[in-house]
């Protein structure tokens, strides 16, 4: 097999002719700083009449990448990059343990051996999708998940494998780990761009704090009272909202029982059975005010600690840990021990909660009591001036706003109990054109102009008579059907129906009023008040004759229906009548 023929070596880079006729462009890109081997950028050009010209363009482009340092400078794998990154990154011990655990369980098995120069946004997106598919990265074949890898007898804990996704928050932490590592690789000159900057991690999950309800919190405190020292720890966690590691790091010099303040400076980090003291999670120092009852709880706890120390002929120093199990307070308590003890207490009481949720309980109770979010965030040690508090506990901020709206609604006037009926309202106060036309036809039915059984006005006649569109005429007919004044059947002309009983009584009242002599006088503008059981429920104005009981009775009935619905019993309603502009009631007041 012949060697490729070189056709141009005068310039940097080489263009070789392969046996297939393709042109291979090869450009020297320096030395790998890790493996110390030469690096080359290689690209092939298909054969053709313009192949030589295309090859020259490719060589120029590759040389430009070398000159502008856009080519990968190393063949290092992602595993190697992550190891070097964690060696120099300024991370807390807990964060560092979490990163190493995620690298071991998820990154190394899937993409750890991939060269960082070959990783792009597409690969990272596929990687995140795999994490969301199965947290143990199974191959899809059926298998049994055993409770342990050691020889054992299977029980109910062993069963067929079921895929469970990795939590979105964990996938996001892995994304931030990779982003930081690639960013450092760009600074070191290993890469030209950060591929994680264009990858898309899962969206941030919505905060869902689930604090115990007040009754459960009371049960927990009462049960913890069996051990006064344990009760003091739970009480302080509930009233201050401090993290468990911060409570374990409290020393007696951090508490001023005379002034009633608690200073939070440090926290306890636990790695297995080993513990160490470190800065707080957000690296913020804060001072928390204590209420008198909390001061009393801590004072009693201090007396007990001093008595135990004196019994064993030792002394309790200001540097002693408040919740230490050692008589002299020299040994810090372990956060995991506190969490496990609280979990056993909650299980015994049948309450589904955790120690961390006491922090949520403190925050939600303060927000519900009307304390501003910035103050709550300061007590909890949140960063961002309250933005984190607002994001996590937004539901309880909304609850406080809901109470504010409830306070406002209590000062608003009462609204009618019955729902608003537009069709009934249109009988007496029509607004839309179709309502006014239907009201005129209704009046013709009630006064006998349109007798029951006679042909009802058609849509065409309504449109021509009142100069409206066919659509408006159709709405007139539908409203008359709603009032049960006409009947329409397919293939038959609409006919007028006998008005309902209440409509017939109203028509008789109108006829009686019309047949009475004219000595009643002329109608005038009146100010009317509808009273129910002596309390005013509605005021309105109308034109009527104060000497005509039928008109006043009609006004009373109509107003009562508008207040409580068409089926209302008017017993108990009264109508107070005043002439417009007068403060004295007229003599013609109507009551039932």
Protein backbone atom coordinates (compact mmCIF):
# COMPACT_ATOMS: atom_id res chain seq x y z
CA UNK A 1 0.00 0.00 0.00
CA UNK A 2 1.53 3.31 -1.14
CA UNK A 3 2.11 6.30 1.09
CA UNK A 4 0.06 9.48 0.55
CA UNK A 5 1.69 11.88 -1.91
CA UNK A 6 2.53 15.33 -0.60
CA UNK A 7 1.81 18.06 -3.10
CA UNK A 8 2.65 21.22 -1.15
CA UNK A 9 4.97 21.56 1.81
CA UNK A 10 6.31 25.04 1.19
CA UNK A 11 3.92 26.57 3.71
CA UNK A 12 2.89 25.58 7.25
CA UNK A 13 0.80 22.47 7.14
CA UNK A 14 0.62 19.76 4.50
CA UNK A 15 -1.87 18.69 1.85
CA UNK A 16 -1.64 14.98 1.03
CA UNK A 17 -3.36 13.09 -1.80
CA UNK A 18 -4.89 9.87 -0.53
CA UNK A 19 -5.45 6.72 -2.62
CA UNK A 20 -9.16 7.49 -2.75
CA UNK A 21 -8.42 10.80 -4.43
CA UNK A 22 -9.34 12.85 -1.41
CA UNK A 23 -7.04 15.57 -0.15
CA UNK A 24 -5.99 15.45 3.51
CA UNK A 25 -5.08 18.73 5.13
CA UNK A 26 -2.80 18.38 8.17
CA UNK A 27 -1.71 21.35 10.27
CA UNK A 28 0.63 21.25 13.24
CA UNK A 29 -1.08 22.66 16.38
CA UNK A 30 1.62 22.52 19.01
CA UNK A 31 2.36 20.14 21.87
CA UNK A 32 -0.16 18.69 24.32
CA UNK A 33 0.85 20.22 27.68
CA UNK A 34 -0.14 17.04 29.51
CA UNK A 35 0.93 14.14 27.29
CA UNK A 36 3.80 16.12 25.67
CA UNK A 37 2.82 14.74 22.26
CA UNK A 38 2.47 16.68 19.03
CA UNK A 39 -1.05 17.86 18.16
CA UNK A 40 -2.35 18.05 14.58
CA UNK A 41 -5.59 19.39 13.13
CA UNK A 42 -6.69 17.08 10.29
CA UNK A 43 -9.48 17.52 7.74
CA UNK A 44 -10.18 15.86 4.36
CA UNK A 45 -11.52 17.39 1.16
CA UNK A 46 -13.49 15.29 -1.41
CA UNK A 47 -12.00 14.97 -4.92
CA UNK A 48 -13.11 17.28 -7.68
CA UNK A 49 -11.98 20.01 -10.06
CA UNK A 50 -11.83 22.55 -7.24
CA UNK A 51 -10.41 20.18 -4.62
CA UNK A 52 -6.99 21.88 -4.54
CA UNK A 53 -8.55 25.30 -4.03
CA UNK A 54 -10.84 23.97 -1.27
CA UNK A 55 -7.87 22.29 0.43
CA UNK A 56 -5.97 25.59 0.46
CA UNK A 57 -8.98 27.26 2.09
CA UNK A 58 -9.18 24.51 4.72
CA UNK A 59 -5.48 24.88 5.49
CA UNK A 60 -5.84 28.63 5.83
CA UNK A 61 -8.76 28.17 8.22
CA UNK A 62 -6.94 25.60 10.35
CA UNK A 63 -3.85 27.77 10.50
CA UNK A 64 -6.06 30.66 11.60
CA UNK A 65 -7.47 28.49 14.40
CA UNK A 66 -3.97 27.66 15.53
CA UNK A 67 -2.87 31.28 15.41
CA UNK A 68 -5.95 32.50 17.25
CA UNK A 69 -5.67 29.68 19.83
CA UNK A 70 -9.17 28.40 19.06
CA UNK A 71 -8.02 24.81 18.64
CA UNK A 72 -7.97 22.35 21.55
CA UNK A 73 -4.66 22.61 23.33
CA UNK A 74 -4.84 19.27 25.09
CA UNK A 75 -6.12 15.74 24.77
CA UNK A 76 -6.99 15.61 28.44
CA UNK A 77 -10.14 13.72 29.41
CA UNK A 78 -12.96 15.10 31.51
CA UNK A 79 -11.85 12.95 34.45
CA UNK A 80 -8.42 14.57 34.40
CA UNK A 81 -9.92 18.08 34.14
CA UNK A 82 -12.27 17.48 37.08
CA UNK A 83 -9.46 16.16 39.26
CA UNK A 84 -7.30 19.22 38.52
CA UNK A 85 -10.28 21.54 39.01
CA UNK A 86 -11.17 20.14 42.45
CA UNK A 87 -7.53 20.44 43.48
CA UNK A 88 -7.58 24.23 43.05
CA UNK A 89 -11.25 25.17 43.54
CA UNK A 90 -12.13 27.09 46.69
CA UNK A 91 -15.04 24.98 47.92
CA UNK A 92 -16.44 24.13 51.31
CA UNK A 93 -15.91 20.60 52.62
CA UNK A 94 -19.57 19.67 52.23
CA UNK A 95 -19.72 21.01 48.68
CA UNK A 96 -16.49 19.25 47.80
CA UNK A 97 -17.82 15.90 49.11
CA UNK A 98 -21.00 16.32 47.11
CA UNK A 99 -19.07 17.12 43.93
CA UNK A 100 -16.80 14.09 44.35
CA UNK A 101 -19.82 11.85 44.97
CA UNK A 102 -21.56 13.10 41.80
CA UNK A 103 -18.39 12.67 39.77
CA UNK A 104 -17.97 9.09 40.99
CA UNK A 105 -21.61 8.06 40.54
CA UNK A 106 -22.63 9.93 37.40
CA UNK A 107 -19.91 11.77 35.47
CA UNK A 108 -17.13 9.18 35.33
CA UNK A 109 -19.34 6.21 34.31
CA UNK A 110 -20.88 8.12 31.38
CA UNK A 111 -18.57 10.80 29.94
CA UNK A 112 -15.54 10.82 32.21
CA UNK A 113 -13.21 9.20 29.66
CA UNK A 114 -14.25 11.60 26.86
CA UNK A 115 -11.68 14.16 25.73
CA UNK A 116 -12.72 17.65 26.76
CA UNK A 117 -12.06 18.88 23.22
CA UNK A 118 -14.79 16.51 21.97
CA UNK A 119 -17.44 17.62 24.47
CA UNK A 120 -19.97 20.13 23.21
CA UNK A 121 -23.46 21.31 24.19
CA UNK A 122 -25.10 18.41 22.35
CA UNK A 123 -23.16 15.82 24.36
CA UNK A 124 -23.95 17.59 27.63
CA UNK A 125 -27.66 17.79 26.79
CA UNK A 126 -27.70 14.05 26.07
CA UNK A 127 -25.85 13.46 29.34
CA UNK A 128 -28.47 15.44 31.31
CA UNK A 129 -31.25 13.54 29.53
CA UNK A 130 -29.70 10.22 30.60
CA UNK A 131 -29.53 11.41 34.21
CA UNK A 132 -33.23 12.27 34.05
CA UNK A 133 -34.01 8.81 32.63
CA UNK A 134 -32.40 6.58 35.26
CA UNK A 135 -30.27 7.52 38.22
CA UNK A 136 -28.29 4.24 38.06
CA UNK A 137 -27.83 4.46 34.25
CA UNK A 138 -29.26 1.03 33.43
CA UNK A 139 -29.08 -0.34 29.87
CA UNK A 140 -32.82 -1.05 29.71
CA UNK A 141 -32.58 -4.81 30.24
CA UNK A 142 -34.60 -6.52 32.96
CA UNK A 143 -32.73 -7.19 36.18
CA UNK A 144 -33.14 -7.54 39.92
CA UNK A 145 -32.09 -4.75 42.27
CA UNK A 146 -30.69 -6.35 45.42
CA UNK A 147 -30.61 -4.64 48.80
CA UNK A 148 -26.84 -5.26 49.05
CA UNK A 149 -23.97 -6.41 46.86
CA UNK A 150 -22.82 -8.87 49.52
CA UNK A 151 -24.08 -12.50 49.65
CA UNK A 152 -27.55 -12.42 51.22
CA UNK A 153 -31.01 -13.94 51.24
CA UNK A 154 -33.45 -11.90 49.19
CA UNK A 155 -36.49 -10.41 50.89
CA UNK A 156 -39.09 -7.73 50.07
CA UNK A 157 -36.30 -5.18 49.60
CA UNK A 158 -35.04 -7.05 46.54
CA UNK A 159 -37.15 -6.75 43.40
CA UNK A 160 -37.27 -5.92 39.68
CA UNK A 161 -35.40 -2.79 38.68
CA UNK A 162 -37.47 0.35 38.14
CA UNK A 163 -35.94 3.43 36.54
CA UNK A 164 -36.10 6.53 38.72
CA UNK A 165 -34.79 9.87 37.45
CA UNK A 166 -32.12 11.83 39.23
CA UNK A 167 -33.56 14.83 41.04
CA UNK A 168 -33.52 18.03 38.92
CA UNK A 169 -31.65 19.83 41.68
CA UNK A 170 -28.87 17.20 41.55
CA UNK A 171 -28.64 17.45 37.75
CA UNK A 172 -28.30 21.22 38.12
CA UNK A 173 -25.49 20.79 40.66
CA UNK A 174 -23.66 18.51 38.21
CA UNK A 175 -24.13 21.15 35.50
CA UNK A 176 -22.63 23.85 37.72
CA UNK A 177 -19.72 21.53 38.52
CA UNK A 178 -18.99 20.96 34.82
CA UNK A 179 -19.47 24.63 34.00
CA UNK A 180 -16.92 25.63 36.64
CA UNK A 181 -14.44 23.04 35.43
CA UNK A 182 -14.76 24.05 31.76
CA UNK A 183 -14.48 27.71 32.70
CA UNK A 184 -11.21 26.95 34.47
CA UNK A 185 -10.04 24.98 31.37
CA UNK A 186 -10.65 28.08 29.23
CA UNK A 187 -8.58 30.17 31.65
CA UNK A 188 -5.80 27.58 31.52
CA UNK A 189 -5.82 27.65 27.70
CA UNK A 190 -6.97 24.05 27.34
CA UNK A 191 -10.18 25.08 25.55
CA UNK A 192 -11.27 28.09 23.55
CA UNK A 193 -14.91 28.09 24.71
CA UNK A 194 -16.96 26.72 27.55
CA UNK A 195 -19.38 24.07 26.14
CA UNK A 196 -21.51 24.15 29.33
CA UNK A 197 -22.42 27.79 28.68
CA UNK A 198 -24.67 26.73 25.77
CA UNK A 199 -25.97 23.48 27.33
CA UNK A 200 -29.39 23.56 28.95
CA UNK A 201 -29.76 22.03 32.43
CA UNK A 202 -33.21 21.21 33.90
CA UNK A 203 -35.17 24.22 35.14
CA UNK A 204 -34.80 25.10 38.77
CA UNK A 205 -37.43 23.19 40.79
CA UNK A 206 -40.02 25.29 42.55
CA UNK A 207 -39.45 25.57 46.30
CA UNK A 208 -41.90 23.50 48.29
CA UNK A 209 -41.32 24.04 52.02
CA UNK A 210 -43.60 21.87 54.16
CA UNK A 211 -43.41 23.11 57.75
CA UNK A 212 -45.27 21.23 60.47
CA UNK A 213 -48.63 22.69 61.41
CA UNK A 214 -48.98 24.44 64.77
CA UNK A 215 -50.62 21.49 66.50
CA UNK A 216 -47.89 19.09 65.34
CA UNK A 217 -45.21 21.55 66.47
CA UNK A 218 -46.82 21.66 69.92
CA UNK A 219 -46.88 17.84 70.09
CA UNK A 220 -43.20 17.69 69.15
CA UNK A 221 -42.24 20.19 71.85
CA UNK A 222 -44.28 18.39 74.49
CA UNK A 223 -42.72 15.04 73.58
CA UNK A 224 -39.19 16.53 73.60
CA UNK A 225 -39.76 17.77 77.16
CA UNK A 226 -39.02 14.25 78.40
CA UNK A 227 -35.36 15.28 78.06
CA UNK A 228 -35.01 18.99 79.04
CA UNK A 229 -31.69 19.32 77.18
CA UNK A 230 -33.22 17.92 73.99
CA UNK A 231 -36.26 20.15 74.51
CA UNK A 232 -33.97 23.21 74.63
CA UNK A 233 -32.39 22.22 71.29
CA UNK A 234 -35.77 21.71 69.57
CA UNK A 235 -37.12 24.93 71.09
CA UNK A 236 -34.18 26.98 69.84
CA UNK A 237 -34.40 25.42 66.37
CA UNK A 238 -38.09 26.28 66.22
CA UNK A 239 -37.83 29.87 67.48
CA UNK A 240 -34.63 30.99 65.69
CA UNK A 241 -34.86 29.01 62.44
CA UNK A 242 -31.11 28.27 62.58
CA UNK A 243 -29.60 25.41 60.62
CA UNK A 244 -28.76 22.23 62.51
CA UNK A 245 -24.99 22.68 61.92
CA UNK A 246 -25.22 26.24 63.29
CA UNK A 247 -27.04 25.09 66.43
CA UNK A 248 -24.40 22.41 67.02
CA UNK A 249 -21.63 25.04 66.77
CA UNK A 250 -23.17 27.43 69.33
CA UNK A 251 -21.00 28.17 72.36
CA UNK A 252 -22.04 29.87 75.55
CA UNK A 253 -20.07 32.99 74.62
CA UNK A 254 -22.38 33.36 71.61
CA UNK A 255 -25.41 33.91 73.88
CA UNK A 256 -26.11 37.08 75.87
CA UNK A 257 -28.88 36.04 78.27
CA UNK A 258 -28.96 39.47 79.86
CA UNK A 259 -29.67 41.34 76.62
CA UNK A 260 -31.48 38.44 74.96
CA UNK A 261 -29.41 37.94 71.79
CA UNK A 262 -27.86 34.96 70.00
CA UNK A 263 -24.87 35.38 67.66
CA UNK A 264 -24.36 32.84 64.87
CA UNK A 265 -20.78 32.72 63.59
CA UNK A 266 -19.84 29.12 62.86
CA UNK A 267 -21.25 25.72 61.93
CA UNK A 268 -20.24 22.07 62.28
CA UNK A 269 -19.30 20.01 59.24
CA UNK A 270 -19.65 16.23 59.52
CA UNK A 271 -17.98 13.69 57.24
CA UNK A 272 -18.97 10.24 58.44
CA UNK A 273 -17.93 10.09 62.07
CA UNK A 274 -15.49 12.99 61.78
CA UNK A 275 -16.56 16.55 62.59
CA UNK A 276 -14.91 19.92 62.11
CA UNK A 277 -15.84 23.55 62.64
CA UNK A 278 -16.30 25.82 59.63
CA UNK A 279 -17.95 29.02 58.48
CA UNK A 280 -21.71 29.28 58.04
CA UNK A 281 -23.29 28.15 54.78
CA UNK A 282 -23.69 31.68 53.37
CA UNK A 283 -20.56 33.00 55.14
CA UNK A 284 -22.72 35.51 56.98
CA UNK A 285 -22.56 36.35 60.67
CA UNK A 286 -25.85 37.37 62.24
CA UNK A 287 -27.34 38.30 65.57
CA UNK A 288 -30.81 37.03 66.47
CA UNK A 289 -33.05 38.58 69.11
CA UNK A 290 -34.50 36.12 71.63
CA UNK A 291 -37.89 36.42 73.27
CA UNK A 292 -38.14 36.20 77.10
CA UNK A 293 -39.39 32.60 77.01
CA UNK A 294 -36.43 31.48 74.90
CA UNK A 295 -34.07 33.28 77.29
CA UNK A 296 -35.72 31.37 80.16
CA UNK A 297 -35.28 28.03 78.33
CA UNK A 298 -31.56 28.70 77.71
CA UNK A 299 -31.02 29.98 81.25
CA UNK A 300 -32.48 26.78 82.71
CA UNK A 301 -30.38 24.72 80.29
CA UNK A 302 -27.23 26.54 81.37
CA UNK A 303 -27.99 25.90 85.05
CA UNK A 304 -28.33 22.16 84.31
CA UNK A 305 -25.01 22.14 82.41
CA UNK A 306 -23.22 23.94 85.25
CA UNK A 307 -24.63 21.53 87.82
CA UNK A 308 -23.46 18.50 85.82
CA UNK A 309 -20.01 20.04 85.43
CA UNK A 310 -19.77 20.77 89.17
CA UNK A 311 -20.85 17.21 90.02
CA UNK A 312 -17.88 15.87 88.00
CA UNK A 313 -15.57 18.53 89.46
CA UNK A 314 -15.10 20.39 86.20
CA UNK A 315 -16.07 23.86 85.00
CA UNK A 316 -18.23 25.11 82.19
CA UNK A 317 -16.20 27.70 80.23
CA UNK A 318 -17.56 30.35 77.84
CA UNK A 319 -16.10 28.31 74.96
CA UNK A 320 -18.16 25.25 75.90
CA UNK A 321 -20.66 24.06 73.30
CA UNK A 322 -24.23 24.74 74.40
CA UNK A 323 -25.60 21.33 73.33
CA UNK A 324 -22.50 19.23 73.96
CA UNK A 325 -22.92 15.79 75.52
CA UNK A 326 -19.60 16.14 77.33
CA UNK A 327 -19.90 17.39 80.95
CA UNK A 328 -17.46 20.25 80.30
CA UNK A 329 -18.98 21.05 76.88
CA UNK A 330 -15.68 20.50 75.09
CA UNK A 331 -17.02 18.18 72.37
CA UNK A 332 -19.32 19.52 69.67
CA UNK A 333 -22.54 17.59 68.98
CA UNK A 334 -22.89 15.85 65.62
CA UNK A 335 -25.52 17.26 63.24
CA UNK A 336 -26.45 13.79 61.94
CA UNK A 337 -27.11 12.62 65.49
CA UNK A 338 -29.56 15.49 66.02
CA UNK A 339 -31.31 14.74 62.74
CA UNK A 340 -31.68 11.05 63.54
CA UNK A 341 -32.99 11.70 67.04
CA UNK A 342 -35.55 14.17 65.74
CA UNK A 343 -36.62 11.70 63.05
CA UNK A 344 -37.22 8.98 65.66
CA UNK A 345 -39.27 11.45 67.73
CA UNK A 346 -41.42 12.39 64.72
CA UNK A 347 -41.93 8.73 63.76
CA UNK A 348 -43.05 7.90 67.29
CA UNK A 349 -45.64 10.69 67.09
CA UNK A 350 -46.75 9.71 63.58
CA UNK A 351 -45.71 13.07 62.08
CA UNK A 352 -44.08 13.13 58.65
CA UNK A 353 -41.46 15.84 59.09
CA UNK A 354 -37.72 16.46 59.45
CA UNK A 355 -35.49 18.63 61.60
CA UNK A 356 -34.82 21.03 58.72
CA UNK A 357 -38.54 21.75 58.43
CA UNK A 358 -38.45 23.48 61.81
CA UNK A 359 -36.53 26.16 59.93
CA UNK A 360 -39.45 26.42 57.50
CA UNK A 361 -41.84 26.55 60.46
CA UNK A 362 -40.02 29.55 61.96
CA UNK A 363 -39.98 31.40 58.64
CA UNK A 364 -43.61 30.78 57.75
CA UNK A 365 -44.87 31.72 61.21
CA UNK A 366 -42.98 35.02 61.08
CA UNK A 367 -44.22 35.85 57.58
CA UNK A 368 -47.79 34.90 58.50
CA UNK A 369 -47.51 37.21 61.53
CA UNK A 370 -46.71 40.12 59.19
CA UNK A 371 -42.91 40.35 59.66
CA UNK A 372 -41.27 41.76 56.52
CA UNK A 373 -39.34 39.37 54.28
CA UNK A 374 -36.00 41.14 54.71
CA UNK A 375 -36.12 40.73 58.49
CA UNK A 376 -37.08 37.05 58.18
CA UNK A 377 -34.22 36.48 55.73
CA UNK A 378 -31.80 38.12 58.16
CA UNK A 379 -32.83 35.81 61.01
CA UNK A 380 -32.51 32.74 58.78
CA UNK A 381 -29.12 33.77 57.39
CA UNK A 382 -30.30 33.96 53.77
CA UNK A 383 -28.17 35.83 51.27
CA UNK A 384 -29.47 38.32 48.72
CA UNK A 385 -31.18 40.75 51.09
CA UNK A 386 -34.41 38.73 51.29
CA UNK A 387 -34.62 37.57 47.66
CA UNK A 388 -33.98 33.94 48.66
CA UNK A 389 -36.59 34.18 51.42
CA UNK A 390 -39.14 35.63 49.02
CA UNK A 391 -38.47 32.89 46.45
CA UNK A 392 -38.72 30.01 48.93
CA UNK A 393 -41.63 31.28 51.03
CA UNK A 394 -43.61 33.15 48.38
CA UNK A 395 -46.73 31.09 49.18
CA UNK A 396 -46.77 32.42 52.73
CA UNK A 397 -46.15 35.97 51.53
CA UNK A 398 -49.21 35.49 49.32
CA UNK A 399 -51.08 34.22 52.38
CA UNK A 400 -50.29 37.46 54.22
CA UNK A 401 -51.50 39.40 51.20
CA UNK A 402 -54.65 37.28 51.23
CA UNK A 403 -55.29 38.27 54.84
CA UNK A 404 -54.87 41.90 53.84
CA UNK A 405 -57.48 41.51 51.12
CA UNK A 406 -59.78 39.78 53.62
CA UNK A 407 -59.44 42.76 55.95
CA UNK A 408 -60.37 45.07 53.09
CA UNK A 409 -63.33 42.94 52.03
CA UNK A 410 -64.69 43.06 55.58
CA UNK A 411 -65.16 46.81 55.12
CA UNK A 412 -66.93 46.49 51.79
CA UNK A 413 -70.75 46.68 51.61
CA UNK A 414 -72.63 43.40 51.48
CA UNK A 415 -73.64 42.16 48.05
CA UNK A 416 -76.96 40.43 47.26
CA UNK A 417 -77.17 36.77 48.18
CA UNK A 418 -78.88 35.75 44.93
CA UNK A 419 -76.86 35.66 41.71
CA UNK A 420 -77.54 38.38 39.13
CA UNK A 421 -80.19 37.32 36.61
CA UNK A 422 -79.83 39.36 33.45
CA UNK A 423 -83.11 38.16 31.97
CA UNK A 424 -85.12 39.18 35.07
CA UNK A 425 -83.32 42.52 35.22
CA UNK A 426 -84.24 43.22 31.59
CA UNK A 427 -87.97 43.01 32.43
CA UNK A 428 -87.91 46.24 34.42
CA UNK A 429 -84.68 47.96 33.33
CA UNK A 430 -83.79 46.91 29.79
CA UNK A 431 -80.45 48.20 28.56
CA UNK A 432 -79.53 46.56 25.24
CA UNK A 433 -81.65 47.22 22.13
CA UNK A 434 -82.92 43.63 22.00
CA UNK A 435 -83.96 43.88 25.69
CA UNK A 436 -85.94 47.06 25.04
CA UNK A 437 -87.77 45.46 22.09
CA UNK A 438 -88.52 42.32 24.10
CA UNK A 439 -89.80 44.47 27.00
CA UNK A 440 -92.26 46.23 24.66
CA UNK A 441 -93.57 42.91 23.32
CA UNK A 442 -93.82 41.60 26.89
CA UNK A 443 -95.93 44.57 27.84
CA UNK A 444 -98.23 43.83 24.89
CA UNK A 445 -98.66 40.26 26.16
CA UNK A 446 -99.41 41.41 29.70
CA UNK A 447 -101.98 44.06 28.72
CA UNK A 448 -103.76 41.69 26.31
CA UNK A 449 -102.72 43.31 23.03
CA UNK A 450 -101.18 39.98 22.12
CA UNK A 451 -103.64 37.38 23.38
CA UNK A 452 -102.58 33.84 24.37
CA UNK A 453 -102.69 31.53 21.35
CA UNK A 454 -102.32 34.31 18.82
CA UNK A 455 -99.37 34.34 16.40
CA UNK A 456 -96.26 35.81 17.96
CA UNK A 457 -94.12 38.36 16.12
CA UNK A 458 -91.62 36.64 13.80
CA UNK A 459 -87.97 37.50 13.55
CA UNK A 460 -88.58 39.06 10.14
CA UNK A 461 -91.42 41.27 11.39
CA UNK A 462 -89.42 42.31 14.45
CA UNK A 463 -86.45 43.24 12.25
CA UNK A 464 -88.64 45.27 9.86
CA UNK A 465 -90.74 46.96 12.55
CA UNK A 466 -87.87 48.02 14.79
CA UNK A 467 -85.24 48.44 12.04
CA UNK A 468 -82.74 46.00 13.55
CA UNK A 469 -80.64 43.17 12.17
CA UNK A 470 -81.72 39.55 11.97
CA UNK A 471 -79.30 38.68 14.77
CA UNK A 472 -80.87 41.23 17.13
CA UNK A 473 -84.35 39.99 16.22
CA UNK A 474 -83.26 36.43 17.02
CA UNK A 475 -82.06 37.56 20.48
CA UNK A 476 -85.46 39.20 21.06
CA UNK A 477 -87.24 35.91 20.34
CA UNK A 478 -84.86 33.96 22.58
CA UNK A 479 -85.44 36.38 25.47
CA UNK A 480 -89.23 36.08 25.07
CA UNK A 481 -88.84 32.29 25.20
CA UNK A 482 -86.80 32.66 28.38
CA UNK A 483 -89.65 34.70 29.88
CA UNK A 484 -92.07 31.87 28.83
CA UNK A 485 -94.19 34.30 26.81
CA UNK A 486 -93.93 32.62 23.39
CA UNK A 487 -93.51 29.05 22.15
CA UNK A 488 -91.57 28.10 19.03
CA UNK A 489 -91.59 24.66 17.43
CA UNK A 490 -89.75 23.47 14.37
CA UNK A 491 -92.00 23.75 11.28
CA UNK A 492 -94.67 25.79 13.14
CA UNK A 493 -95.13 29.50 13.66
CA UNK A 494 -94.44 30.88 17.11
CA UNK A 495 -97.52 31.55 19.26
CA UNK A 496 -98.14 33.63 22.36
CA UNK A 497 -98.37 31.69 25.65
CA UNK A 498 -100.42 32.35 28.74
CA UNK A 499 -98.14 34.46 30.99
CA UNK A 500 -96.87 32.74 34.14
CA UNK A 501 -98.90 33.23 37.30
CA UNK A 502 -96.64 35.90 38.75
CA UNK A 503 -96.63 37.71 35.40
CA UNK A 504 -100.47 37.48 35.25
CA UNK A 505 -100.80 39.01 38.73
CA UNK A 506 -98.53 41.84 37.70
CA UNK A 507 -100.64 42.36 34.56
CA UNK A 508 -103.86 42.44 36.64
CA UNK A 509 -102.30 44.99 38.95
CA UNK A 510 -101.35 47.15 36.00
CA UNK A 511 -104.88 46.84 34.53
CA UNK A 512 -106.48 47.70 37.87
CA UNK A 513 -104.24 50.71 38.19
CA UNK A 514 -105.12 51.84 34.69
CA UNK A 515 -108.91 51.45 35.29
CA UNK A 516 -108.99 53.56 38.45
CA UNK A 517 -110.13 57.19 38.21
CA UNK A 518 -107.58 59.91 37.73
CA UNK A 519 -107.95 61.33 41.24
CA UNK A 520 -104.78 59.50 42.17
CA UNK A 521 -102.80 62.34 40.69
CA UNK A 522 -99.78 62.49 38.43
CA UNK A 523 -96.64 60.39 38.65
CA UNK A 524 -93.65 62.10 40.22
CA UNK A 525 -90.02 61.29 40.82
CA UNK A 526 -89.55 59.39 44.08
CA UNK A 527 -86.60 58.26 46.18
CA UNK A 528 -87.29 54.70 47.38
CA UNK A 529 -85.60 52.52 50.01
CA UNK A 530 -86.18 48.77 50.19
CA UNK A 531 -86.08 47.47 53.77
CA UNK A 532 -85.87 43.84 54.86
CA UNK A 533 -86.66 43.15 58.51
CA UNK A 534 -86.13 46.83 59.23
CA UNK A 535 -82.68 47.07 57.54
CA UNK A 536 -82.14 49.00 54.31
CA UNK A 537 -80.91 46.66 51.59
CA UNK A 538 -81.36 48.80 48.45
CA UNK A 539 -82.10 52.39 47.42
CA UNK A 540 -83.27 53.57 44.00
CA UNK A 541 -85.37 56.20 42.23
CA UNK A 542 -88.54 55.76 40.12
CA UNK A 543 -91.52 57.67 38.81
CA UNK A 544 -94.83 56.67 40.41
CA UNK A 545 -98.02 58.06 41.93
CA UNK A 546 -97.75 57.98 45.71
CA UNK A 547 -101.55 57.72 45.95
CA UNK A 548 -101.65 54.56 43.81
CA UNK A 549 -101.10 51.45 46.03
CA UNK A 550 -100.89 49.19 42.98
CA UNK A 551 -97.92 51.08 41.58
CA UNK A 552 -96.14 51.10 44.93
CA UNK A 553 -96.84 47.40 45.41
CA UNK A 554 -95.40 46.70 41.95
CA UNK A 555 -92.27 48.69 42.81
CA UNK A 556 -91.96 46.75 46.08
CA UNK A 557 -92.26 43.37 44.36
CA UNK A 558 -89.80 44.29 41.59
CA UNK A 559 -87.22 45.62 44.05
CA UNK A 560 -87.51 42.52 46.25
CA UNK A 561 -86.96 40.27 43.22
CA UNK A 562 -83.89 42.21 42.20
CA UNK A 563 -82.53 41.83 45.70
CA UNK A 564 -83.17 38.12 46.31
CA UNK A 565 -84.31 36.54 43.04
CA UNK A 566 -87.56 36.01 41.20
CA UNK A 567 -88.83 33.34 43.62
CA UNK A 568 -88.45 35.54 46.68
CA UNK A 569 -91.14 35.63 49.37
CA UNK A 570 -91.91 39.36 49.81
CA UNK A 571 -93.03 38.85 53.41
CA UNK A 572 -90.78 40.99 55.58
CA UNK A 573 -90.00 43.57 52.89
CA UNK A 574 -90.99 47.22 53.22
CA UNK A 575 -90.75 50.16 50.84
CA UNK A 576 -89.95 53.59 52.23
CA UNK A 577 -91.09 56.35 49.84
CA UNK A 578 -89.79 59.94 49.79
CA UNK A 579 -90.24 62.69 47.29
CA UNK A 580 -87.03 63.55 45.47
CA UNK A 581 -84.98 65.93 47.61
CA UNK A 582 -87.11 65.42 50.73
CA UNK A 583 -85.92 63.79 53.94
CA UNK A 584 -89.41 62.96 55.25
CA UNK A 585 -91.18 59.75 54.14
CA UNK A 586 -94.46 60.11 52.26
CA UNK A 587 -97.72 58.92 53.77
CA UNK A 588 -98.07 56.25 51.11
CA UNK A 589 -95.30 53.91 52.37
CA UNK A 590 -95.96 50.32 51.41
CA UNK A 591 -95.16 47.28 53.50
CA UNK A 592 -96.17 43.64 53.43
